[in-house]
Amino acid sequence: MVNIIEELVEYSKLAWDRGLTESTGGNMSVRIDKNTIYITPHSSIKHFLTPKDIIKITLDDKVIEGVGKPSSERKMHFLIYKERPDVNCVFHAHPTYATAFAVSGKKIPFNMLPEAILLLKKISYLPYRMAGTQEFADVFKPELKAGKDVFILQNHGVTVIGENIKKTYEKLETLEFVAKVFVEANKLGDVHEIPQKEVYEYVEKISEDK
């Protein structure tokens, strides 16, 4: 049975291997308990991660286990977990197409595809702040309180959060897929979105089926 550290490593490597982040970019974490998380190390190429590289750290920035330095953007992770008790995983990454939207200032029309309607209906667009600073972390606070769980970070990348590692990764990959589809479809001509009435009907049906 895969343990939580192995699962974090597996999905972090998957994100890198599928081009959802680049070089040493991105950082991933998972909550262990109310005040403790596992997080990827600073400046690491995710393809080469092993369980021994993962850092165990408290939300008040005290390293419990691990020989390397924790991610330089850990303040963002700390704030998210403190603000949202329902969140148990954070993935921050630099996927090409979604990051292009972050740089252009345009919004991703997620109503193009049924699957995206469910996974990406809570997108938030955050202003630029220097990565790794408390100011960078603090811009998340009001949107977290509003229940948002997908964040496009101006001139930076994206952050997605969820109840577990698998569901968080699903949001990240779906976000990039939708961004790519829009860019490619736009080259062909008009992009057609699902009418808002049908969006509501679809969400309601899925909710009933659950």
N, C-alpha and C. Protein backbone atom coordinates (compact mmCIF):
# COMPACT_ATOMS: atom_id res chain seq x y z
N MET A 1 0.84 -1.20 0.00
CA MET A 1 0.00 0.00 0.00
C MET A 1 0.88 1.25 0.00
N VAL A 2 0.56 2.19 -0.87
CA VAL A 2 1.35 3.41 -0.98
C VAL A 2 1.07 4.31 0.22
N ASN A 3 2.14 4.78 0.89
CA ASN A 3 1.92 5.70 2.01
C ASN A 3 1.84 7.14 1.50
N ILE A 4 1.53 8.06 2.39
CA ILE A 4 1.24 9.43 1.99
C ILE A 4 2.47 10.12 1.38
N ILE A 5 3.66 9.82 1.88
CA ILE A 5 4.88 10.42 1.32
C ILE A 5 5.12 9.89 -0.09
N GLU A 6 4.99 8.59 -0.27
CA GLU A 6 5.17 8.00 -1.60
C GLU A 6 4.15 8.55 -2.59
N GLU A 7 2.92 8.76 -2.12
CA GLU A 7 1.88 9.30 -3.00
C GLU A 7 2.21 10.74 -3.41
N LEU A 8 2.70 11.54 -2.45
CA LEU A 8 3.09 12.91 -2.77
C LEU A 8 4.22 12.93 -3.80
N VAL A 9 5.20 12.08 -3.62
CA VAL A 9 6.31 11.98 -4.56
C VAL A 9 5.81 11.54 -5.94
N GLU A 10 4.95 10.54 -5.96
CA GLU A 10 4.44 9.99 -7.21
C GLU A 10 3.71 11.05 -8.03
N TYR A 11 2.82 11.80 -7.39
CA TYR A 11 2.04 12.81 -8.11
C TYR A 11 2.87 14.05 -8.44
N SER A 12 3.86 14.37 -7.61
CA SER A 12 4.75 15.48 -7.92
C SER A 12 5.58 15.16 -9.16
N LYS A 13 6.09 13.92 -9.23
CA LYS A 13 6.83 13.48 -10.41
C LYS A 13 5.93 13.45 -11.64
N LEU A 14 4.69 13.01 -11.46
CA LEU A 14 3.75 12.97 -12.58
C LEU A 14 3.52 14.36 -13.14
N ALA A 15 3.37 15.34 -12.25
CA ALA A 15 3.16 16.73 -12.70
C ALA A 15 4.34 17.20 -13.54
N TRP A 16 5.55 16.90 -13.10
CA TRP A 16 6.75 17.31 -13.85
C TRP A 16 6.84 16.56 -15.17
N ASP A 17 6.60 15.25 -15.12
CA ASP A 17 6.74 14.42 -16.33
C ASP A 17 5.71 14.80 -17.39
N ARG A 18 4.54 15.29 -16.99
CA ARG A 18 3.50 15.67 -17.94
C ARG A 18 3.60 17.15 -18.34
N GLY A 19 4.69 17.78 -17.94
CA GLY A 19 4.92 19.16 -18.36
C GLY A 19 4.06 20.19 -17.64
N LEU A 20 3.57 19.83 -16.45
CA LEU A 20 2.74 20.77 -15.69
C LEU A 20 3.57 21.71 -14.83
N THR A 21 4.85 21.46 -14.79
CA THR A 21 5.79 22.42 -14.21
C THR A 21 7.16 22.14 -14.82
N GLU A 22 8.11 23.03 -14.62
CA GLU A 22 9.36 22.98 -15.38
C GLU A 22 10.57 23.06 -14.46
N SER A 23 11.69 22.55 -14.92
CA SER A 23 12.96 22.69 -14.22
C SER A 23 12.76 22.43 -12.72
N THR A 24 13.13 23.40 -11.89
CA THR A 24 12.94 23.26 -10.44
C THR A 24 11.67 23.97 -9.97
N GLY A 25 10.82 24.38 -10.90
CA GLY A 25 9.62 25.13 -10.54
C GLY A 25 8.57 24.26 -9.85
N GLY A 26 7.74 24.91 -9.09
CA GLY A 26 6.62 24.23 -8.44
C GLY A 26 6.96 23.69 -7.08
N ASN A 27 5.93 23.48 -6.28
CA ASN A 27 6.07 22.89 -4.95
C ASN A 27 4.75 22.26 -4.55
N MET A 28 4.83 21.17 -3.84
CA MET A 28 3.65 20.39 -3.49
C MET A 28 3.70 19.99 -2.02
N SER A 29 2.53 19.89 -1.41
CA SER A 29 2.49 19.50 0.00
C SER A 29 1.20 18.74 0.30
N VAL A 30 1.23 18.02 1.43
CA VAL A 30 0.04 17.31 1.90
C VAL A 30 -0.02 17.43 3.42
N ARG A 31 -1.22 17.59 3.93
CA ARG A 31 -1.41 17.74 5.38
C ARG A 31 -1.37 16.37 6.05
N ILE A 32 -0.66 16.31 7.19
CA ILE A 32 -0.61 15.10 8.00
C ILE A 32 -1.61 15.19 9.14
N ASP A 33 -1.59 16.32 9.82
CA ASP A 33 -2.56 16.59 10.88
C ASP A 33 -2.83 18.09 10.88
N LYS A 34 -3.50 18.58 11.89
CA LYS A 34 -3.94 19.98 11.91
C LYS A 34 -2.79 20.96 11.72
N ASN A 35 -1.62 20.65 12.26
CA ASN A 35 -0.52 21.62 12.27
C ASN A 35 0.76 21.14 11.58
N THR A 36 0.70 20.02 10.85
CA THR A 36 1.91 19.45 10.27
C THR A 36 1.67 19.03 8.82
N ILE A 37 2.66 19.27 7.97
CA ILE A 37 2.56 18.88 6.55
C ILE A 37 3.86 18.24 6.09
N TYR A 38 3.77 17.52 4.98
CA TYR A 38 4.93 17.12 4.20
C TYR A 38 5.00 18.06 3.01
N ILE A 39 6.20 18.52 2.65
CA ILE A 39 6.35 19.46 1.53
C ILE A 39 7.60 19.13 0.73
N THR A 40 7.57 19.41 -0.55
CA THR A 40 8.73 19.17 -1.40
C THR A 40 9.86 20.15 -1.05
N PRO A 41 11.10 19.76 -1.31
CA PRO A 41 12.24 20.61 -0.96
C PRO A 41 12.44 21.77 -1.93
N HIS A 42 13.16 22.74 -1.47
CA HIS A 42 13.50 23.92 -2.28
C HIS A 42 14.35 23.52 -3.48
N SER A 43 14.04 24.14 -4.63
CA SER A 43 14.85 24.02 -5.84
C SER A 43 15.10 22.57 -6.25
N SER A 44 14.01 21.79 -6.33
CA SER A 44 14.15 20.38 -6.68
C SER A 44 13.49 20.09 -8.02
N ILE A 45 14.15 19.29 -8.85
CA ILE A 45 13.55 18.81 -10.09
C ILE A 45 12.65 17.63 -9.70
N LYS A 46 11.36 17.79 -9.89
CA LYS A 46 10.40 16.84 -9.33
C LYS A 46 10.54 15.43 -9.88
N HIS A 47 11.03 15.28 -11.11
CA HIS A 47 11.20 13.95 -11.70
C HIS A 47 12.13 13.07 -10.85
N PHE A 48 13.08 13.69 -10.15
CA PHE A 48 14.08 12.93 -9.41
C PHE A 48 13.77 12.84 -7.91
N LEU A 49 12.60 13.27 -7.49
CA LEU A 49 12.25 13.21 -6.07
C LEU A 49 12.19 11.77 -5.56
N THR A 50 12.61 11.59 -4.31
CA THR A 50 12.44 10.32 -3.62
C THR A 50 11.80 10.62 -2.26
N PRO A 51 11.20 9.64 -1.60
CA PRO A 51 10.58 9.90 -0.30
C PRO A 51 11.51 10.54 0.73
N LYS A 52 12.80 10.21 0.66
CA LYS A 52 13.72 10.78 1.66
C LYS A 52 13.97 12.28 1.45
N ASP A 53 13.57 12.81 0.28
CA ASP A 53 13.74 14.24 0.01
C ASP A 53 12.65 15.09 0.64
N ILE A 54 11.51 14.48 0.99
CA ILE A 54 10.36 15.24 1.48
C ILE A 54 10.61 15.75 2.90
N ILE A 55 10.20 16.99 3.14
CA ILE A 55 10.41 17.65 4.43
C ILE A 55 9.13 17.61 5.26
N LYS A 56 9.25 17.21 6.51
CA LYS A 56 8.13 17.28 7.46
C LYS A 56 8.28 18.57 8.25
N ILE A 57 7.24 19.41 8.24
CA ILE A 57 7.36 20.74 8.82
C ILE A 57 6.03 21.17 9.45
N THR A 58 6.09 21.96 10.50
CA THR A 58 4.87 22.46 11.14
C THR A 58 4.41 23.73 10.43
N LEU A 59 3.18 24.12 10.67
CA LEU A 59 2.63 25.32 10.03
C LEU A 59 3.19 26.61 10.65
N ASP A 60 3.96 26.49 11.72
CA ASP A 60 4.69 27.65 12.23
C ASP A 60 6.17 27.57 11.87
N ASP A 61 6.47 26.82 10.80
CA ASP A 61 7.78 26.82 10.14
C ASP A 61 8.89 26.16 10.94
N LYS A 62 8.58 25.07 11.62
CA LYS A 62 9.61 24.31 12.34
C LYS A 62 9.79 22.96 11.64
N VAL A 63 11.00 22.73 11.13
CA VAL A 63 11.28 21.47 10.44
C VAL A 63 11.39 20.35 11.47
N ILE A 64 10.64 19.28 11.24
CA ILE A 64 10.66 18.13 12.14
C ILE A 64 11.56 17.04 11.58
N GLU A 65 11.46 16.78 10.28
CA GLU A 65 12.28 15.76 9.63
C GLU A 65 12.69 16.26 8.25
N GLY A 66 13.87 15.81 7.81
CA GLY A 66 14.33 16.17 6.48
C GLY A 66 15.68 16.85 6.52
N VAL A 67 16.51 16.57 5.53
CA VAL A 67 17.87 17.11 5.53
C VAL A 67 18.01 18.34 4.62
N GLY A 68 17.08 18.53 3.71
CA GLY A 68 17.18 19.67 2.80
C GLY A 68 16.39 20.88 3.31
N LYS A 69 16.30 21.91 2.46
CA LYS A 69 15.53 23.09 2.78
C LYS A 69 14.11 22.92 2.24
N PRO A 70 13.09 23.27 3.03
CA PRO A 70 11.73 23.20 2.50
C PRO A 70 11.51 24.26 1.43
N SER A 71 10.49 24.09 0.64
CA SER A 71 10.19 25.03 -0.45
C SER A 71 10.21 26.48 0.03
N SER A 72 10.76 27.34 -0.80
CA SER A 72 10.84 28.76 -0.45
C SER A 72 9.45 29.42 -0.46
N GLU A 73 8.45 28.74 -1.03
CA GLU A 73 7.10 29.28 -1.08
C GLU A 73 6.18 28.64 -0.04
N ARG A 74 6.79 28.08 1.00
CA ARG A 74 6.02 27.38 2.02
C ARG A 74 5.05 28.27 2.78
N LYS A 75 5.30 29.59 2.84
CA LYS A 75 4.36 30.47 3.54
C LYS A 75 2.98 30.43 2.89
N MET A 76 2.95 30.28 1.58
CA MET A 76 1.68 30.12 0.88
C MET A 76 0.96 28.87 1.36
N HIS A 77 1.68 27.77 1.46
CA HIS A 77 1.10 26.51 1.93
C HIS A 77 0.59 26.66 3.35
N PHE A 78 1.41 27.27 4.22
CA PHE A 78 1.00 27.45 5.61
C PHE A 78 -0.32 28.20 5.71
N LEU A 79 -0.41 29.31 4.99
CA LEU A 79 -1.60 30.15 5.07
C LEU A 79 -2.83 29.40 4.56
N ILE A 80 -2.68 28.68 3.46
CA ILE A 80 -3.82 27.94 2.90
C ILE A 80 -4.35 26.92 3.90
N TYR A 81 -3.45 26.16 4.51
CA TYR A 81 -3.90 25.15 5.48
C TYR A 81 -4.53 25.78 6.72
N LYS A 82 -4.01 26.90 7.14
CA LYS A 82 -4.58 27.57 8.32
C LYS A 82 -5.97 28.13 8.03
N GLU A 83 -6.14 28.67 6.84
CA GLU A 83 -7.42 29.28 6.48
C GLU A 83 -8.49 28.26 6.11
N ARG A 84 -8.06 27.10 5.61
CA ARG A 84 -9.02 26.12 5.09
C ARG A 84 -8.80 24.73 5.71
N PRO A 85 -9.49 24.45 6.82
CA PRO A 85 -9.37 23.13 7.45
C PRO A 85 -9.80 21.97 6.55
N ASP A 86 -10.59 22.27 5.50
CA ASP A 86 -11.06 21.23 4.59
C ASP A 86 -10.01 20.85 3.55
N VAL A 87 -8.94 21.62 3.46
CA VAL A 87 -7.89 21.39 2.46
C VAL A 87 -6.78 20.53 3.04
N ASN A 88 -6.41 19.47 2.31
CA ASN A 88 -5.35 18.57 2.76
C ASN A 88 -4.21 18.44 1.77
N CYS A 89 -4.28 19.18 0.66
CA CYS A 89 -3.20 19.11 -0.33
C CYS A 89 -3.12 20.43 -1.09
N VAL A 90 -1.89 20.85 -1.41
CA VAL A 90 -1.63 22.07 -2.19
C VAL A 90 -0.62 21.73 -3.27
N PHE A 91 -0.95 22.06 -4.52
CA PHE A 91 -0.02 21.94 -5.63
C PHE A 91 0.17 23.33 -6.25
N HIS A 92 1.40 23.78 -6.28
CA HIS A 92 1.74 25.03 -6.99
C HIS A 92 2.63 24.64 -8.17
N ALA A 93 2.31 25.13 -9.37
CA ALA A 93 3.04 24.71 -10.56
C ALA A 93 3.03 25.81 -11.62
N HIS A 94 3.77 25.55 -12.70
CA HIS A 94 3.90 26.52 -13.79
C HIS A 94 3.56 25.87 -15.14
N PRO A 95 2.33 25.36 -15.31
CA PRO A 95 1.96 24.76 -16.59
C PRO A 95 1.94 25.81 -17.70
N THR A 96 2.41 25.44 -18.87
CA THR A 96 2.65 26.40 -19.95
C THR A 96 1.41 27.23 -20.32
N TYR A 97 0.33 26.56 -20.65
CA TYR A 97 -0.84 27.28 -21.17
C TYR A 97 -1.56 28.07 -20.09
N ALA A 98 -1.73 27.49 -18.92
CA ALA A 98 -2.38 28.22 -17.83
C ALA A 98 -1.52 29.41 -17.39
N THR A 99 -0.20 29.23 -17.42
CA THR A 99 0.68 30.34 -17.07
C THR A 99 0.63 31.43 -18.12
N ALA A 100 0.40 31.05 -19.38
CA ALA A 100 0.22 32.06 -20.43
C ALA A 100 -0.97 32.96 -20.12
N PHE A 101 -2.02 32.38 -19.58
CA PHE A 101 -3.16 33.19 -19.15
C PHE A 101 -2.77 34.09 -17.98
N ALA A 102 -1.95 33.57 -17.08
CA ALA A 102 -1.50 34.36 -15.94
C ALA A 102 -0.68 35.56 -16.39
N VAL A 103 0.07 35.40 -17.47
CA VAL A 103 0.90 36.48 -18.00
C VAL A 103 0.07 37.46 -18.83
N SER A 104 -0.89 36.94 -19.57
CA SER A 104 -1.68 37.80 -20.47
C SER A 104 -2.76 38.59 -19.74
N GLY A 105 -3.16 38.10 -18.57
CA GLY A 105 -4.24 38.77 -17.84
C GLY A 105 -5.62 38.36 -18.31
N LYS A 106 -5.70 37.43 -19.26
CA LYS A 106 -7.00 36.95 -19.76
C LYS A 106 -7.51 35.82 -18.88
N LYS A 107 -8.82 35.60 -18.91
CA LYS A 107 -9.43 34.56 -18.09
C LYS A 107 -9.73 33.32 -18.92
N ILE A 108 -9.60 32.16 -18.28
CA ILE A 108 -9.83 30.89 -18.94
C ILE A 108 -11.34 30.60 -18.96
N PRO A 109 -11.94 30.44 -20.14
CA PRO A 109 -13.38 30.14 -20.22
C PRO A 109 -13.64 28.66 -19.97
N PHE A 110 -13.80 28.28 -18.71
CA PHE A 110 -13.88 26.87 -18.36
C PHE A 110 -15.22 26.22 -18.73
N ASN A 111 -16.19 27.01 -19.18
CA ASN A 111 -17.49 26.45 -19.55
C ASN A 111 -17.48 25.80 -20.93
N MET A 112 -16.31 25.58 -21.48
CA MET A 112 -16.20 24.92 -22.79
C MET A 112 -16.44 23.42 -22.70
N LEU A 113 -16.05 22.82 -21.58
CA LEU A 113 -16.07 21.36 -21.45
C LEU A 113 -16.78 20.95 -20.16
N PRO A 114 -17.65 19.92 -20.22
CA PRO A 114 -18.42 19.52 -19.03
C PRO A 114 -17.57 19.19 -17.81
N GLU A 115 -16.48 18.43 -18.01
CA GLU A 115 -15.65 18.03 -16.87
C GLU A 115 -15.04 19.24 -16.17
N ALA A 116 -14.67 20.23 -16.95
CA ALA A 116 -14.04 21.42 -16.39
C ALA A 116 -15.01 22.24 -15.56
N ILE A 117 -16.28 22.20 -15.91
CA ILE A 117 -17.29 22.96 -15.18
C ILE A 117 -17.28 22.58 -13.70
N LEU A 118 -17.15 21.29 -13.43
CA LEU A 118 -17.17 20.82 -12.05
C LEU A 118 -15.86 21.09 -11.33
N LEU A 119 -14.74 20.83 -12.00
CA LEU A 119 -13.45 20.92 -11.34
C LEU A 119 -12.92 22.35 -11.24
N LEU A 120 -13.32 23.23 -12.15
CA LEU A 120 -12.70 24.55 -12.23
C LEU A 120 -13.66 25.70 -11.97
N LYS A 121 -14.83 25.41 -11.42
CA LYS A 121 -15.83 26.46 -11.25
C LYS A 121 -15.44 27.49 -10.19
N LYS A 122 -14.39 27.21 -9.45
CA LYS A 122 -13.98 28.13 -8.39
C LYS A 122 -12.61 28.73 -8.68
N ILE A 123 -12.42 29.27 -9.88
CA ILE A 123 -11.14 29.88 -10.26
C ILE A 123 -11.07 31.30 -9.70
N SER A 124 -9.90 31.66 -9.19
CA SER A 124 -9.64 33.02 -8.72
C SER A 124 -8.38 33.54 -9.40
N TYR A 125 -8.37 34.82 -9.72
CA TYR A 125 -7.22 35.45 -10.38
C TYR A 125 -6.57 36.42 -9.39
N LEU A 126 -5.34 36.12 -9.01
CA LEU A 126 -4.67 36.89 -7.96
C LEU A 126 -3.60 37.81 -8.53
N PRO A 127 -3.43 39.00 -7.93
CA PRO A 127 -2.42 39.95 -8.41
C PRO A 127 -1.00 39.48 -8.11
N TYR A 128 -0.06 40.03 -8.85
CA TYR A 128 1.35 39.64 -8.68
C TYR A 128 1.90 40.12 -7.34
N ARG A 129 2.59 39.23 -6.66
CA ARG A 129 3.40 39.56 -5.49
C ARG A 129 4.67 38.72 -5.58
N MET A 130 5.75 39.21 -5.00
CA MET A 130 7.02 38.49 -5.10
C MET A 130 6.91 37.11 -4.46
N ALA A 131 7.30 36.09 -5.20
CA ALA A 131 7.20 34.71 -4.73
C ALA A 131 7.99 34.50 -3.45
N GLY A 132 7.42 33.73 -2.55
CA GLY A 132 8.10 33.37 -1.31
C GLY A 132 7.89 34.34 -0.16
N THR A 133 7.30 35.49 -0.44
CA THR A 133 7.09 36.49 0.61
C THR A 133 5.76 36.27 1.32
N GLN A 134 5.61 36.90 2.47
CA GLN A 134 4.33 36.84 3.18
C GLN A 134 3.26 37.57 2.39
N GLU A 135 3.65 38.62 1.68
CA GLU A 135 2.70 39.36 0.84
C GLU A 135 2.13 38.45 -0.26
N PHE A 136 2.98 37.59 -0.79
CA PHE A 136 2.54 36.61 -1.79
C PHE A 136 1.50 35.67 -1.20
N ALA A 137 1.75 35.21 0.00
CA ALA A 137 0.80 34.31 0.66
C ALA A 137 -0.51 35.02 1.01
N ASP A 138 -0.41 36.25 1.47
CA ASP A 138 -1.59 36.96 2.00
C ASP A 138 -2.65 37.25 0.94
N VAL A 139 -2.26 37.35 -0.34
CA VAL A 139 -3.27 37.65 -1.36
C VAL A 139 -4.27 36.50 -1.52
N PHE A 140 -3.93 35.33 -1.05
CA PHE A 140 -4.85 34.20 -1.12
C PHE A 140 -6.00 34.31 -0.11
N LYS A 141 -5.77 35.01 0.99
CA LYS A 141 -6.67 34.93 2.13
C LYS A 141 -8.14 35.22 1.81
N PRO A 142 -8.48 36.36 1.19
CA PRO A 142 -9.90 36.63 0.94
C PRO A 142 -10.54 35.63 -0.01
N GLU A 143 -9.78 35.13 -0.98
CA GLU A 143 -10.33 34.17 -1.92
C GLU A 143 -10.50 32.79 -1.29
N LEU A 144 -9.63 32.45 -0.36
CA LEU A 144 -9.79 31.20 0.38
C LEU A 144 -11.05 31.24 1.23
N LYS A 145 -11.29 32.38 1.86
CA LYS A 145 -12.49 32.55 2.68
C LYS A 145 -13.75 32.45 1.83
N ALA A 146 -13.63 32.82 0.55
CA ALA A 146 -14.76 32.75 -0.37
C ALA A 146 -14.95 31.35 -0.95
N GLY A 147 -14.10 30.41 -0.56
CA GLY A 147 -14.24 29.03 -1.00
C GLY A 147 -13.58 28.69 -2.31
N LYS A 148 -12.72 29.57 -2.82
CA LYS A 148 -12.04 29.30 -4.09
C LYS A 148 -10.95 28.24 -3.88
N ASP A 149 -10.72 27.42 -4.92
CA ASP A 149 -9.68 26.40 -4.78
C ASP A 149 -8.80 26.22 -6.02
N VAL A 150 -8.94 27.11 -7.00
CA VAL A 150 -8.05 27.14 -8.16
C VAL A 150 -7.61 28.58 -8.36
N PHE A 151 -6.30 28.81 -8.38
CA PHE A 151 -5.78 30.18 -8.39
C PHE A 151 -4.81 30.39 -9.56
N ILE A 152 -5.10 31.42 -10.34
CA ILE A 152 -4.18 31.84 -11.41
C ILE A 152 -3.40 33.03 -10.85
N LEU A 153 -2.08 32.90 -10.81
CA LEU A 153 -1.22 33.89 -10.16
C LEU A 153 -0.55 34.75 -11.22
N GLN A 154 -0.89 36.01 -11.23
CA GLN A 154 -0.40 36.93 -12.27
C GLN A 154 1.11 36.86 -12.42
N ASN A 155 1.57 36.68 -13.67
CA ASN A 155 3.00 36.63 -14.01
C ASN A 155 3.77 35.59 -13.20
N HIS A 156 3.10 34.50 -12.87
CA HIS A 156 3.78 33.50 -12.05
C HIS A 156 3.40 32.08 -12.42
N GLY A 157 2.19 31.65 -12.16
CA GLY A 157 1.79 30.28 -12.40
C GLY A 157 0.43 30.01 -11.82
N VAL A 158 0.24 28.82 -11.25
CA VAL A 158 -1.06 28.46 -10.69
C VAL A 158 -0.87 27.73 -9.37
N THR A 159 -1.91 27.77 -8.55
CA THR A 159 -1.98 26.97 -7.33
C THR A 159 -3.35 26.33 -7.28
N VAL A 160 -3.40 25.04 -6.98
CA VAL A 160 -4.68 24.35 -6.81
C VAL A 160 -4.66 23.64 -5.46
N ILE A 161 -5.84 23.53 -4.85
CA ILE A 161 -5.94 22.91 -3.53
C ILE A 161 -7.10 21.92 -3.54
N GLY A 162 -7.06 20.95 -2.62
CA GLY A 162 -8.13 19.96 -2.58
C GLY A 162 -8.10 19.12 -1.32
N GLU A 163 -9.04 18.18 -1.26
CA GLU A 163 -9.19 17.38 -0.06
C GLU A 163 -8.18 16.24 0.03
N ASN A 164 -7.59 15.88 -1.12
CA ASN A 164 -6.54 14.87 -1.11
C ASN A 164 -5.63 15.07 -2.32
N ILE A 165 -4.56 14.29 -2.40
CA ILE A 165 -3.56 14.47 -3.45
C ILE A 165 -4.15 14.21 -4.83
N LYS A 166 -4.87 13.13 -4.99
CA LYS A 166 -5.42 12.76 -6.30
C LYS A 166 -6.35 13.84 -6.83
N LYS A 167 -7.27 14.30 -6.00
CA LYS A 167 -8.25 15.29 -6.47
C LYS A 167 -7.58 16.63 -6.76
N THR A 168 -6.55 16.95 -6.01
CA THR A 168 -5.83 18.20 -6.27
C THR A 168 -5.09 18.12 -7.60
N TYR A 169 -4.44 16.99 -7.85
CA TYR A 169 -3.75 16.81 -9.13
C TYR A 169 -4.73 16.87 -10.30
N GLU A 170 -5.91 16.28 -10.13
CA GLU A 170 -6.92 16.31 -11.20
C GLU A 170 -7.26 17.74 -11.60
N LYS A 171 -7.37 18.63 -10.63
CA LYS A 171 -7.67 20.03 -10.93
C LYS A 171 -6.54 20.67 -11.72
N LEU A 172 -5.30 20.37 -11.33
CA LEU A 172 -4.15 20.94 -12.01
C LEU A 172 -4.10 20.49 -13.47
N GLU A 173 -4.25 19.20 -13.72
CA GLU A 173 -4.16 18.70 -15.09
C GLU A 173 -5.35 19.19 -15.93
N THR A 174 -6.53 19.23 -15.33
CA THR A 174 -7.71 19.72 -16.06
C THR A 174 -7.58 21.19 -16.40
N LEU A 175 -7.06 21.97 -15.47
CA LEU A 175 -6.85 23.40 -15.72
C LEU A 175 -5.95 23.62 -16.93
N GLU A 176 -4.85 22.89 -16.98
CA GLU A 176 -3.93 23.04 -18.11
C GLU A 176 -4.56 22.55 -19.41
N PHE A 177 -5.31 21.45 -19.34
CA PHE A 177 -5.96 20.93 -20.54
C PHE A 177 -6.94 21.94 -21.12
N VAL A 178 -7.76 22.53 -20.26
CA VAL A 178 -8.75 23.51 -20.72
C VAL A 178 -8.07 24.75 -21.31
N ALA A 179 -7.00 25.21 -20.64
CA ALA A 179 -6.26 26.37 -21.16
C ALA A 179 -5.69 26.07 -22.54
N LYS A 180 -5.14 24.87 -22.70
CA LYS A 180 -4.56 24.48 -24.00
C LYS A 180 -5.64 24.35 -25.07
N VAL A 181 -6.76 23.73 -24.72
CA VAL A 181 -7.86 23.57 -25.69
C VAL A 181 -8.34 24.93 -26.17
N PHE A 182 -8.48 25.88 -25.25
CA PHE A 182 -8.95 27.21 -25.64
C PHE A 182 -7.96 27.87 -26.61
N VAL A 183 -6.68 27.82 -26.29
CA VAL A 183 -5.68 28.45 -27.15
C VAL A 183 -5.69 27.82 -28.54
N GLU A 184 -5.77 26.48 -28.60
CA GLU A 184 -5.75 25.80 -29.89
C GLU A 184 -7.06 26.01 -30.65
N ALA A 185 -8.20 25.96 -29.95
CA ALA A 185 -9.50 26.16 -30.60
C ALA A 185 -9.62 27.58 -31.13
N ASN A 186 -9.03 28.52 -30.41
CA ASN A 186 -9.09 29.92 -30.82
C ASN A 186 -8.39 30.14 -32.16
N LYS A 187 -7.41 29.31 -32.46
CA LYS A 187 -6.71 29.40 -33.74
C LYS A 187 -7.62 28.97 -34.90
N LEU A 188 -8.60 28.13 -34.58
CA LEU A 188 -9.50 27.60 -35.60
C LEU A 188 -10.68 28.53 -35.88
N GLY A 189 -10.92 29.46 -34.97
CA GLY A 189 -12.06 30.36 -35.15
C GLY A 189 -12.74 30.64 -33.84
N ASP A 190 -14.05 30.76 -33.86
CA ASP A 190 -14.81 31.06 -32.66
C ASP A 190 -14.76 29.89 -31.67
N VAL A 191 -14.73 30.23 -30.39
CA VAL A 191 -14.78 29.22 -29.32
C VAL A 191 -16.18 29.24 -28.73
N HIS A 192 -16.83 28.10 -28.73
CA HIS A 192 -18.20 28.01 -28.24
C HIS A 192 -18.23 27.47 -26.82
N GLU A 193 -18.85 28.22 -25.93
CA GLU A 193 -19.02 27.78 -24.55
C GLU A 193 -20.40 27.15 -24.37
N ILE A 194 -20.53 26.28 -23.38
CA ILE A 194 -21.82 25.68 -23.05
C ILE A 194 -22.71 26.78 -22.46
N PRO A 195 -23.95 26.94 -22.95
CA PRO A 195 -24.84 27.99 -22.42
C PRO A 195 -25.00 27.89 -20.91
N GLN A 196 -25.07 29.03 -20.25
CA GLN A 196 -25.10 29.07 -18.79
C GLN A 196 -26.25 28.24 -18.22
N LYS A 197 -27.40 28.27 -18.88
CA LYS A 197 -28.55 27.48 -18.41
C LYS A 197 -28.20 26.00 -18.36
N GLU A 198 -27.52 25.51 -19.39
CA GLU A 198 -27.14 24.10 -19.42
C GLU A 198 -26.03 23.79 -18.41
N VAL A 199 -25.19 24.78 -18.13
CA VAL A 199 -24.17 24.61 -17.09
C VAL A 199 -24.84 24.33 -15.76
N TYR A 200 -25.84 25.15 -15.40
CA TYR A 200 -26.56 24.97 -14.14
C TYR A 200 -27.25 23.60 -14.10
N GLU A 201 -27.86 23.22 -15.22
CA GLU A 201 -28.56 21.94 -15.29
C GLU A 201 -27.59 20.77 -15.12
N TYR A 202 -26.41 20.90 -15.71
CA TYR A 202 -25.40 19.85 -15.61
C TYR A 202 -24.91 19.70 -14.17
N VAL A 203 -24.59 20.81 -13.54
CA VAL A 203 -24.10 20.79 -12.16
C VAL A 203 -25.18 20.21 -11.24
N GLU A 204 -26.43 20.59 -11.46
CA GLU A 204 -27.53 20.09 -10.64
C GLU A 204 -27.71 18.58 -10.81
N LYS A 205 -27.59 18.10 -12.05
CA LYS A 205 -27.74 16.67 -12.30
C LYS A 205 -26.63 15.87 -11.64
N ILE A 206 -25.41 16.35 -11.76
CA ILE A 206 -24.28 15.66 -11.14
C ILE A 206 -24.45 15.62 -9.63
N SER A 207 -24.92 16.73 -9.05
CA SER A 207 -25.14 16.79 -7.60
C SER A 207 -26.19 15.77 -7.17
N GLU A 208 -27.24 15.62 -7.97
CA GLU A 208 -28.30 14.66 -7.66
C GLU A 208 -27.80 13.23 -7.76
N ASP A 209 -26.96 12.97 -8.75
CA ASP A 209 -26.42 11.63 -8.95
C ASP A 209 -25.52 11.18 -7.81
N LYS A 210 -24.91 12.17 -7.15
CA LYS A 210 -24.05 11.83 -6.00
C LYS A 210 -24.90 11.37 -4.82
